[in-house]
Amino acid sequence: MARGNCNFSGNGGIFFSTVLIHLFILSAITLGLYLPWAWVRIFKLKASHTTIQEKGVQFVGTGGQLLVLGLVQGLITLITLGLYGPWAICKFFDWKARNTIVGGTPSRFKGTGGGLFPLYLVHLVILPVLTLGIYYVYGFYRLYAWKEEHTLYAGQKTSFGGGFLAFLKISIISRPV
């Protein structure tokens, strides 16, 4: 899919109350238990303001599914001292893609933990440690770009396409999810 085929019609004001109430207040009150439902609410809100190739986007995942996924993948990652991290991240990307419907067609994630492992090790572990965390922002940009390169929306590839500075601007103003 060429650049420019994705359109987001929302703005920060649309997300402010949702993020404030659900992601911060309700998640804090429930000591984080509500967090998966808050993220799903944000995913649904983002999807409802997005079109890809002029097709509407819908997110159909649930907070319960995300809670179970997070607990299982987090536990395995913890037991393996982080080595399972790339596979856990891919499980999340796969869940999110399968629950993102574009024009009536579920999206697909085609990445693998083995394929993500070198990027994970260099950009999310080694370089952030060596730079005392400063490199993390660029590492997350690389992760986000890798996810987009391995996701098919309605059978089509797309890309973030904005480059690191655009990603940094989005990261400061909002949170790409």
N, C-alpha and C. Protein backbone atom coordinates (compact mmCIF):
# COMPACT_ATOMS: atom_id res chain seq x y z
N MET A 1 0.86 -1.16 0.00
CA MET A 1 0.00 0.00 0.00
C MET A 1 0.90 1.22 0.00
N ALA A 2 0.64 2.13 -0.87
CA ALA A 2 1.46 3.34 -0.96
C ALA A 2 1.19 4.27 0.21
N ARG A 3 2.14 5.15 0.45
CA ARG A 3 1.95 6.16 1.47
C ARG A 3 0.75 7.02 1.11
N GLY A 4 0.10 7.54 2.13
CA GLY A 4 -1.03 8.42 1.88
C GLY A 4 -2.36 7.70 1.78
N ASN A 5 -2.37 6.39 1.88
CA ASN A 5 -3.62 5.64 1.80
C ASN A 5 -4.29 5.47 3.15
N CYS A 6 -3.67 5.98 4.20
CA CYS A 6 -4.24 5.92 5.54
C CYS A 6 -4.62 7.33 5.95
N ASN A 7 -5.78 7.47 6.58
CA ASN A 7 -6.24 8.78 7.00
C ASN A 7 -6.79 8.69 8.41
N PHE A 8 -6.33 9.59 9.25
CA PHE A 8 -6.85 9.69 10.61
C PHE A 8 -7.53 11.02 10.75
N SER A 9 -8.82 11.01 11.09
CA SER A 9 -9.60 12.25 11.16
C SER A 9 -9.76 12.76 12.59
N GLY A 10 -9.19 12.08 13.54
CA GLY A 10 -9.32 12.51 14.94
C GLY A 10 -8.29 13.56 15.29
N ASN A 11 -8.37 14.02 16.54
CA ASN A 11 -7.38 14.96 17.04
C ASN A 11 -7.17 14.69 18.53
N GLY A 12 -6.22 15.38 19.12
CA GLY A 12 -5.89 15.16 20.52
C GLY A 12 -7.06 15.37 21.46
N GLY A 13 -7.92 16.33 21.14
CA GLY A 13 -9.07 16.60 21.99
C GLY A 13 -10.01 15.41 22.11
N ILE A 14 -10.11 14.65 21.04
CA ILE A 14 -10.98 13.47 21.04
C ILE A 14 -10.47 12.44 22.05
N PHE A 15 -9.16 12.33 22.17
CA PHE A 15 -8.57 11.31 23.03
C PHE A 15 -8.37 11.76 24.47
N PHE A 16 -8.32 13.06 24.70
CA PHE A 16 -7.95 13.56 26.02
C PHE A 16 -8.80 12.97 27.14
N SER A 17 -10.11 13.07 27.03
CA SER A 17 -10.97 12.57 28.12
C SER A 17 -10.88 11.05 28.25
N THR A 18 -10.79 10.35 27.14
CA THR A 18 -10.69 8.89 27.20
C THR A 18 -9.39 8.47 27.89
N VAL A 19 -8.30 9.07 27.50
CA VAL A 19 -7.01 8.73 28.10
C VAL A 19 -7.02 9.13 29.58
N LEU A 20 -7.48 10.32 29.88
CA LEU A 20 -7.48 10.79 31.26
C LEU A 20 -8.34 9.90 32.16
N ILE A 21 -9.57 9.67 31.74
CA ILE A 21 -10.50 8.92 32.58
C ILE A 21 -10.15 7.43 32.63
N HIS A 22 -9.97 6.83 31.47
CA HIS A 22 -9.81 5.37 31.42
C HIS A 22 -8.38 4.91 31.68
N LEU A 23 -7.43 5.52 30.98
CA LEU A 23 -6.05 5.04 31.09
C LEU A 23 -5.42 5.45 32.42
N PHE A 24 -5.75 6.63 32.91
CA PHE A 24 -5.12 7.09 34.15
C PHE A 24 -6.00 6.89 35.38
N ILE A 25 -7.16 7.51 35.41
CA ILE A 25 -7.97 7.49 36.63
C ILE A 25 -8.51 6.10 36.96
N LEU A 26 -9.26 5.49 36.04
CA LEU A 26 -9.85 4.18 36.33
C LEU A 26 -8.78 3.09 36.51
N SER A 27 -7.71 3.17 35.72
CA SER A 27 -6.64 2.18 35.88
C SER A 27 -5.94 2.36 37.22
N ALA A 28 -5.76 3.59 37.66
CA ALA A 28 -5.13 3.83 38.97
C ALA A 28 -6.03 3.36 40.10
N ILE A 29 -7.33 3.65 40.01
CA ILE A 29 -8.27 3.24 41.05
C ILE A 29 -8.31 1.72 41.19
N THR A 30 -8.20 1.01 40.06
CA THR A 30 -8.26 -0.46 40.08
C THR A 30 -6.87 -1.09 40.17
N LEU A 31 -5.86 -0.28 40.49
CA LEU A 31 -4.48 -0.75 40.60
C LEU A 31 -4.00 -1.46 39.34
N GLY A 32 -4.41 -0.96 38.19
CA GLY A 32 -3.97 -1.48 36.90
C GLY A 32 -4.84 -2.57 36.31
N LEU A 33 -5.77 -3.12 37.07
CA LEU A 33 -6.60 -4.20 36.55
C LEU A 33 -7.44 -3.76 35.35
N TYR A 34 -7.86 -2.50 35.33
CA TYR A 34 -8.70 -1.99 34.23
C TYR A 34 -7.87 -1.64 32.99
N LEU A 35 -6.56 -1.65 33.09
CA LEU A 35 -5.68 -1.22 32.01
C LEU A 35 -5.98 -1.87 30.66
N PRO A 36 -6.18 -3.19 30.56
CA PRO A 36 -6.49 -3.78 29.24
C PRO A 36 -7.77 -3.21 28.63
N TRP A 37 -8.78 -2.96 29.44
CA TRP A 37 -10.04 -2.41 28.93
C TRP A 37 -9.84 -0.96 28.49
N ALA A 38 -8.99 -0.24 29.20
CA ALA A 38 -8.68 1.15 28.81
C ALA A 38 -7.99 1.17 27.46
N TRP A 39 -7.00 0.28 27.27
CA TRP A 39 -6.30 0.24 25.98
C TRP A 39 -7.25 -0.15 24.85
N VAL A 40 -8.13 -1.12 25.10
CA VAL A 40 -9.09 -1.52 24.06
C VAL A 40 -10.00 -0.35 23.71
N ARG A 41 -10.41 0.42 24.68
CA ARG A 41 -11.24 1.60 24.42
C ARG A 41 -10.48 2.58 23.52
N ILE A 42 -9.20 2.77 23.78
CA ILE A 42 -8.38 3.67 22.96
C ILE A 42 -8.21 3.10 21.55
N PHE A 43 -7.95 1.78 21.44
CA PHE A 43 -7.83 1.15 20.11
C PHE A 43 -9.13 1.34 19.32
N LYS A 44 -10.27 1.17 19.96
CA LYS A 44 -11.56 1.34 19.28
C LYS A 44 -11.78 2.78 18.86
N LEU A 45 -11.41 3.71 19.70
CA LEU A 45 -11.56 5.13 19.38
C LEU A 45 -10.68 5.50 18.20
N LYS A 46 -9.43 5.05 18.23
CA LYS A 46 -8.51 5.32 17.12
C LYS A 46 -9.05 4.73 15.82
N ALA A 47 -9.50 3.48 15.87
CA ALA A 47 -10.02 2.83 14.67
C ALA A 47 -11.24 3.57 14.12
N SER A 48 -12.10 4.05 14.99
CA SER A 48 -13.32 4.71 14.53
C SER A 48 -13.05 6.03 13.79
N HIS A 49 -11.84 6.56 13.92
CA HIS A 49 -11.46 7.79 13.23
C HIS A 49 -10.42 7.56 12.14
N THR A 50 -10.27 6.29 11.72
CA THR A 50 -9.25 5.94 10.74
C THR A 50 -9.89 5.30 9.52
N THR A 51 -9.35 5.63 8.35
CA THR A 51 -9.70 4.92 7.11
C THR A 51 -8.41 4.47 6.45
N ILE A 52 -8.45 3.32 5.81
CA ILE A 52 -7.32 2.82 5.04
C ILE A 52 -7.85 2.51 3.66
N GLN A 53 -7.27 3.13 2.65
CA GLN A 53 -7.76 3.05 1.27
C GLN A 53 -9.26 3.36 1.22
N GLU A 54 -9.63 4.39 1.96
CA GLU A 54 -11.01 4.87 2.03
C GLU A 54 -11.98 3.84 2.60
N LYS A 55 -11.46 2.81 3.26
CA LYS A 55 -12.29 1.79 3.92
C LYS A 55 -12.29 2.07 5.41
N GLY A 56 -13.44 1.91 6.02
CA GLY A 56 -13.55 2.12 7.46
C GLY A 56 -12.78 1.07 8.25
N VAL A 57 -12.31 1.48 9.42
CA VAL A 57 -11.54 0.59 10.29
C VAL A 57 -12.35 0.40 11.58
N GLN A 58 -12.35 -0.83 12.05
CA GLN A 58 -13.06 -1.18 13.29
C GLN A 58 -12.17 -2.07 14.13
N PHE A 59 -12.16 -1.85 15.43
CA PHE A 59 -11.41 -2.72 16.33
C PHE A 59 -12.41 -3.52 17.14
N VAL A 60 -12.26 -4.86 17.17
CA VAL A 60 -13.26 -5.72 17.80
C VAL A 60 -12.73 -6.53 18.98
N GLY A 61 -11.49 -6.31 19.38
CA GLY A 61 -10.92 -7.04 20.52
C GLY A 61 -11.58 -6.62 21.82
N THR A 62 -11.35 -7.42 22.88
CA THR A 62 -11.93 -7.11 24.18
C THR A 62 -10.84 -6.98 25.24
N GLY A 63 -11.19 -6.28 26.30
CA GLY A 63 -10.26 -6.13 27.41
C GLY A 63 -9.91 -7.46 28.06
N GLY A 64 -10.89 -8.38 28.14
CA GLY A 64 -10.64 -9.70 28.72
C GLY A 64 -9.59 -10.46 27.93
N GLN A 65 -9.69 -10.40 26.60
CA GLN A 65 -8.70 -11.08 25.75
C GLN A 65 -7.31 -10.49 25.99
N LEU A 66 -7.24 -9.16 26.06
CA LEU A 66 -5.96 -8.50 26.25
C LEU A 66 -5.38 -8.80 27.64
N LEU A 67 -6.24 -8.88 28.64
CA LEU A 67 -5.79 -9.22 29.99
C LEU A 67 -5.14 -10.61 30.02
N VAL A 68 -5.81 -11.59 29.45
CA VAL A 68 -5.27 -12.96 29.43
C VAL A 68 -3.97 -13.00 28.62
N LEU A 69 -3.97 -12.36 27.45
CA LEU A 69 -2.77 -12.33 26.62
C LEU A 69 -1.61 -11.70 27.38
N GLY A 70 -1.85 -10.57 28.03
CA GLY A 70 -0.80 -9.89 28.78
C GLY A 70 -0.27 -10.71 29.95
N LEU A 71 -1.18 -11.36 30.67
CA LEU A 71 -0.74 -12.18 31.81
C LEU A 71 0.10 -13.37 31.36
N VAL A 72 -0.37 -14.08 30.35
CA VAL A 72 0.35 -15.27 29.87
C VAL A 72 1.70 -14.88 29.27
N GLN A 73 1.69 -13.90 28.35
CA GLN A 73 2.93 -13.52 27.68
C GLN A 73 3.90 -12.86 28.66
N GLY A 74 3.37 -12.07 29.60
CA GLY A 74 4.22 -11.45 30.61
C GLY A 74 4.88 -12.47 31.51
N LEU A 75 4.13 -13.48 31.91
CA LEU A 75 4.67 -14.53 32.77
C LEU A 75 5.78 -15.31 32.06
N ILE A 76 5.53 -15.68 30.81
CA ILE A 76 6.55 -16.42 30.06
C ILE A 76 7.80 -15.56 29.88
N THR A 77 7.61 -14.28 29.59
CA THR A 77 8.75 -13.37 29.41
C THR A 77 9.53 -13.22 30.72
N LEU A 78 8.82 -13.12 31.81
CA LEU A 78 9.46 -13.01 33.12
C LEU A 78 10.26 -14.27 33.46
N ILE A 79 9.66 -15.43 33.23
CA ILE A 79 10.33 -16.71 33.52
C ILE A 79 11.61 -16.87 32.68
N THR A 80 11.58 -16.37 31.44
CA THR A 80 12.74 -16.51 30.56
C THR A 80 13.69 -15.31 30.65
N LEU A 81 13.49 -14.49 31.69
CA LEU A 81 14.35 -13.32 31.91
C LEU A 81 14.39 -12.39 30.70
N GLY A 82 13.28 -12.25 30.02
CA GLY A 82 13.16 -11.32 28.89
C GLY A 82 13.46 -11.90 27.53
N LEU A 83 14.03 -13.10 27.48
CA LEU A 83 14.39 -13.68 26.18
C LEU A 83 13.17 -13.95 25.31
N TYR A 84 12.03 -14.22 25.93
CA TYR A 84 10.80 -14.49 25.17
C TYR A 84 10.14 -13.19 24.69
N GLY A 85 10.67 -12.05 25.08
CA GLY A 85 10.08 -10.75 24.76
C GLY A 85 9.66 -10.57 23.31
N PRO A 86 10.53 -10.86 22.33
CA PRO A 86 10.12 -10.67 20.94
C PRO A 86 8.91 -11.52 20.54
N TRP A 87 8.83 -12.72 21.05
CA TRP A 87 7.70 -13.59 20.74
C TRP A 87 6.42 -13.07 21.42
N ALA A 88 6.56 -12.55 22.63
CA ALA A 88 5.41 -11.95 23.33
C ALA A 88 4.91 -10.72 22.60
N ILE A 89 5.83 -9.89 22.13
CA ILE A 89 5.46 -8.69 21.38
C ILE A 89 4.72 -9.10 20.11
N CYS A 90 5.23 -10.14 19.43
CA CYS A 90 4.57 -10.61 18.20
C CYS A 90 3.18 -11.17 18.48
N LYS A 91 3.01 -11.82 19.63
CA LYS A 91 1.67 -12.32 20.00
C LYS A 91 0.70 -11.15 20.16
N PHE A 92 1.17 -10.06 20.79
CA PHE A 92 0.33 -8.87 20.93
C PHE A 92 0.03 -8.25 19.57
N PHE A 93 1.04 -8.09 18.72
CA PHE A 93 0.81 -7.52 17.38
C PHE A 93 -0.16 -8.38 16.59
N ASP A 94 -0.05 -9.71 16.71
CA ASP A 94 -0.96 -10.61 16.00
C ASP A 94 -2.39 -10.45 16.52
N TRP A 95 -2.54 -10.40 17.84
CA TRP A 95 -3.88 -10.21 18.43
C TRP A 95 -4.49 -8.89 17.96
N LYS A 96 -3.70 -7.84 17.98
CA LYS A 96 -4.21 -6.53 17.58
C LYS A 96 -4.59 -6.53 16.10
N ALA A 97 -3.76 -7.13 15.25
CA ALA A 97 -4.06 -7.18 13.82
C ALA A 97 -5.33 -7.98 13.55
N ARG A 98 -5.46 -9.17 14.16
CA ARG A 98 -6.65 -10.00 13.92
C ARG A 98 -7.93 -9.29 14.36
N ASN A 99 -7.82 -8.39 15.32
CA ASN A 99 -8.98 -7.66 15.82
C ASN A 99 -9.17 -6.29 15.17
N THR A 100 -8.33 -5.97 14.20
CA THR A 100 -8.48 -4.73 13.43
C THR A 100 -9.09 -5.09 12.09
N ILE A 101 -10.31 -4.66 11.89
CA ILE A 101 -11.07 -4.98 10.69
C ILE A 101 -11.05 -3.77 9.76
N VAL A 102 -10.62 -3.98 8.51
CA VAL A 102 -10.57 -2.90 7.52
C VAL A 102 -11.49 -3.26 6.37
N GLY A 103 -12.56 -2.49 6.21
CA GLY A 103 -13.50 -2.78 5.13
C GLY A 103 -14.09 -4.16 5.22
N GLY A 104 -14.30 -4.66 6.43
CA GLY A 104 -14.88 -5.99 6.64
C GLY A 104 -13.87 -7.13 6.62
N THR A 105 -12.60 -6.84 6.39
CA THR A 105 -11.57 -7.87 6.32
C THR A 105 -10.62 -7.75 7.51
N PRO A 106 -10.43 -8.85 8.27
CA PRO A 106 -9.47 -8.80 9.38
C PRO A 106 -8.05 -8.56 8.86
N SER A 107 -7.28 -7.83 9.61
CA SER A 107 -5.88 -7.60 9.26
C SER A 107 -5.06 -8.80 9.69
N ARG A 108 -3.83 -8.88 9.18
CA ARG A 108 -2.97 -10.02 9.51
C ARG A 108 -1.58 -9.51 9.85
N PHE A 109 -0.99 -10.11 10.86
CA PHE A 109 0.39 -9.81 11.22
C PHE A 109 1.24 -11.00 10.80
N LYS A 110 2.32 -10.73 10.06
CA LYS A 110 3.14 -11.80 9.51
C LYS A 110 4.54 -11.88 10.11
N GLY A 111 4.82 -11.08 11.14
CA GLY A 111 6.14 -11.10 11.76
C GLY A 111 6.30 -12.29 12.69
N THR A 112 7.55 -12.59 13.03
CA THR A 112 7.85 -13.69 13.96
C THR A 112 8.79 -13.19 15.05
N GLY A 113 8.77 -13.88 16.17
CA GLY A 113 9.68 -13.55 17.26
C GLY A 113 11.14 -13.67 16.84
N GLY A 114 11.44 -14.70 16.07
CA GLY A 114 12.80 -14.88 15.58
C GLY A 114 13.23 -13.73 14.67
N GLY A 115 12.30 -13.25 13.86
CA GLY A 115 12.60 -12.12 12.98
C GLY A 115 12.76 -10.82 13.76
N LEU A 116 12.04 -10.68 14.85
CA LEU A 116 12.10 -9.47 15.68
C LEU A 116 13.30 -9.49 16.63
N PHE A 117 13.81 -10.67 16.95
CA PHE A 117 14.83 -10.80 18.00
C PHE A 117 16.04 -9.88 17.82
N PRO A 118 16.66 -9.80 16.62
CA PRO A 118 17.83 -8.91 16.49
C PRO A 118 17.48 -7.44 16.77
N LEU A 119 16.35 -6.97 16.25
CA LEU A 119 15.93 -5.58 16.50
C LEU A 119 15.68 -5.38 17.99
N TYR A 120 15.00 -6.32 18.62
CA TYR A 120 14.70 -6.27 20.05
C TYR A 120 15.98 -6.19 20.87
N LEU A 121 16.93 -7.07 20.56
CA LEU A 121 18.17 -7.13 21.33
C LEU A 121 18.97 -5.84 21.19
N VAL A 122 19.14 -5.35 19.96
CA VAL A 122 19.97 -4.16 19.72
C VAL A 122 19.24 -2.88 20.12
N HIS A 123 18.01 -2.70 19.62
CA HIS A 123 17.33 -1.41 19.75
C HIS A 123 16.47 -1.26 21.02
N LEU A 124 16.12 -2.36 21.66
CA LEU A 124 15.29 -2.25 22.86
C LEU A 124 15.99 -2.74 24.12
N VAL A 125 17.18 -3.34 23.96
CA VAL A 125 17.92 -3.79 25.14
C VAL A 125 19.31 -3.15 25.20
N ILE A 126 20.17 -3.47 24.26
CA ILE A 126 21.57 -3.06 24.34
C ILE A 126 21.75 -1.54 24.24
N LEU A 127 21.26 -0.92 23.17
CA LEU A 127 21.49 0.52 23.00
C LEU A 127 20.79 1.36 24.06
N PRO A 128 19.55 1.03 24.48
CA PRO A 128 18.98 1.80 25.60
C PRO A 128 19.79 1.68 26.88
N VAL A 129 20.33 0.49 27.16
CA VAL A 129 21.16 0.32 28.37
C VAL A 129 22.43 1.17 28.25
N LEU A 130 23.07 1.14 27.09
CA LEU A 130 24.31 1.89 26.90
C LEU A 130 24.09 3.41 26.95
N THR A 131 22.88 3.86 26.60
CA THR A 131 22.59 5.31 26.59
C THR A 131 21.74 5.72 27.78
N LEU A 132 21.66 4.87 28.78
CA LEU A 132 20.85 5.14 29.98
C LEU A 132 19.39 5.47 29.64
N GLY A 133 18.87 4.80 28.63
CA GLY A 133 17.47 4.93 28.27
C GLY A 133 17.16 5.96 27.21
N ILE A 134 18.10 6.82 26.90
CA ILE A 134 17.84 7.89 25.92
C ILE A 134 17.47 7.32 24.55
N TYR A 135 18.06 6.20 24.19
CA TYR A 135 17.83 5.60 22.86
C TYR A 135 16.44 4.96 22.73
N TYR A 136 15.74 4.77 23.85
CA TYR A 136 14.45 4.06 23.82
C TYR A 136 13.47 4.64 22.80
N VAL A 137 13.39 5.94 22.69
CA VAL A 137 12.43 6.56 21.76
C VAL A 137 12.70 6.08 20.34
N TYR A 138 13.97 6.09 19.92
CA TYR A 138 14.29 5.62 18.58
C TYR A 138 14.07 4.11 18.47
N GLY A 139 14.35 3.38 19.52
CA GLY A 139 14.10 1.94 19.53
C GLY A 139 12.62 1.62 19.32
N PHE A 140 11.75 2.39 19.99
CA PHE A 140 10.31 2.18 19.81
C PHE A 140 9.86 2.58 18.41
N TYR A 141 10.48 3.60 17.84
CA TYR A 141 10.19 3.95 16.45
C TYR A 141 10.52 2.78 15.54
N ARG A 142 11.70 2.17 15.75
CA ARG A 142 12.09 1.02 14.93
C ARG A 142 11.11 -0.14 15.10
N LEU A 143 10.67 -0.37 16.35
CA LEU A 143 9.69 -1.43 16.61
C LEU A 143 8.38 -1.14 15.90
N TYR A 144 7.89 0.09 15.99
CA TYR A 144 6.63 0.48 15.35
C TYR A 144 6.74 0.32 13.83
N ALA A 145 7.85 0.77 13.25
CA ALA A 145 8.05 0.63 11.80
C ALA A 145 8.10 -0.86 11.41
N TRP A 146 8.77 -1.68 12.22
CA TRP A 146 8.86 -3.12 11.95
C TRP A 146 7.46 -3.74 11.98
N LYS A 147 6.66 -3.35 12.96
CA LYS A 147 5.28 -3.87 13.06
C LYS A 147 4.50 -3.53 11.79
N GLU A 148 4.60 -2.29 11.35
CA GLU A 148 3.85 -1.88 10.15
C GLU A 148 4.33 -2.62 8.91
N GLU A 149 5.63 -2.88 8.82
CA GLU A 149 6.18 -3.62 7.68
C GLU A 149 5.67 -5.06 7.63
N HIS A 150 5.25 -5.59 8.77
CA HIS A 150 4.82 -6.99 8.86
C HIS A 150 3.31 -7.14 9.08
N THR A 151 2.55 -6.09 8.85
CA THR A 151 1.10 -6.15 9.03
C THR A 151 0.41 -5.87 7.71
N LEU A 152 -0.59 -6.69 7.39
CA LEU A 152 -1.41 -6.48 6.20
C LEU A 152 -2.78 -5.99 6.64
N TYR A 153 -3.18 -4.84 6.14
CA TYR A 153 -4.50 -4.28 6.44
C TYR A 153 -5.37 -4.50 5.20
N ALA A 154 -6.44 -5.29 5.37
CA ALA A 154 -7.30 -5.67 4.24
C ALA A 154 -6.45 -6.26 3.11
N GLY A 155 -5.45 -7.05 3.48
CA GLY A 155 -4.60 -7.71 2.51
C GLY A 155 -3.53 -6.83 1.90
N GLN A 156 -3.40 -5.60 2.34
CA GLN A 156 -2.44 -4.65 1.77
C GLN A 156 -1.40 -4.23 2.80
N LYS A 157 -0.17 -3.98 2.32
CA LYS A 157 0.87 -3.44 3.19
C LYS A 157 0.71 -1.93 3.28
N THR A 158 1.17 -1.39 4.39
CA THR A 158 1.26 0.05 4.55
C THR A 158 2.54 0.32 5.32
N SER A 159 2.82 1.56 5.60
CA SER A 159 3.99 1.88 6.40
C SER A 159 3.70 3.15 7.17
N PHE A 160 4.46 3.36 8.24
CA PHE A 160 4.29 4.60 8.99
C PHE A 160 4.64 5.76 8.08
N GLY A 161 5.75 5.66 7.37
CA GLY A 161 6.10 6.60 6.32
C GLY A 161 6.49 7.99 6.76
N GLY A 162 6.28 8.35 8.02
CA GLY A 162 6.55 9.71 8.44
C GLY A 162 7.99 9.93 8.88
N GLY A 163 8.75 8.89 9.08
CA GLY A 163 10.11 9.04 9.57
C GLY A 163 10.16 9.27 11.07
N PHE A 164 11.38 9.30 11.59
CA PHE A 164 11.56 9.38 13.02
C PHE A 164 11.04 10.68 13.62
N LEU A 165 11.26 11.82 12.97
CA LEU A 165 10.81 13.10 13.55
C LEU A 165 9.30 13.16 13.65
N ALA A 166 8.59 12.63 12.65
CA ALA A 166 7.12 12.59 12.72
C ALA A 166 6.68 11.66 13.85
N PHE A 167 7.37 10.53 14.00
CA PHE A 167 7.07 9.61 15.09
C PHE A 167 7.30 10.28 16.44
N LEU A 168 8.39 11.02 16.57
CA LEU A 168 8.70 11.72 17.81
C LEU A 168 7.61 12.74 18.13
N LYS A 169 7.16 13.46 17.13
CA LYS A 169 6.09 14.44 17.33
C LYS A 169 4.82 13.75 17.81
N ILE A 170 4.46 12.63 17.19
CA ILE A 170 3.26 11.88 17.60
C ILE A 170 3.45 11.35 19.02
N SER A 171 4.65 10.88 19.34
CA SER A 171 4.92 10.33 20.66
C SER A 171 4.80 11.38 21.75
N ILE A 172 5.16 12.60 21.44
CA ILE A 172 5.08 13.68 22.42
C ILE A 172 3.64 14.16 22.57
N ILE A 173 2.94 14.31 21.45
CA ILE A 173 1.57 14.81 21.49
C ILE A 173 0.58 13.75 21.90
N SER A 174 0.76 12.54 21.41
CA SER A 174 -0.15 11.44 21.74
C SER A 174 0.69 10.18 21.84
N ARG A 175 0.05 9.04 21.81
CA ARG A 175 0.77 7.78 21.90
C ARG A 175 0.31 6.90 20.75
N PRO A 176 1.22 6.53 19.80
CA PRO A 176 0.83 5.61 18.74
C PRO A 176 0.56 4.23 19.30
N VAL A 177 -0.53 3.67 18.94
CA VAL A 177 -0.90 2.35 19.47
C VAL A 177 -1.23 1.41 18.35
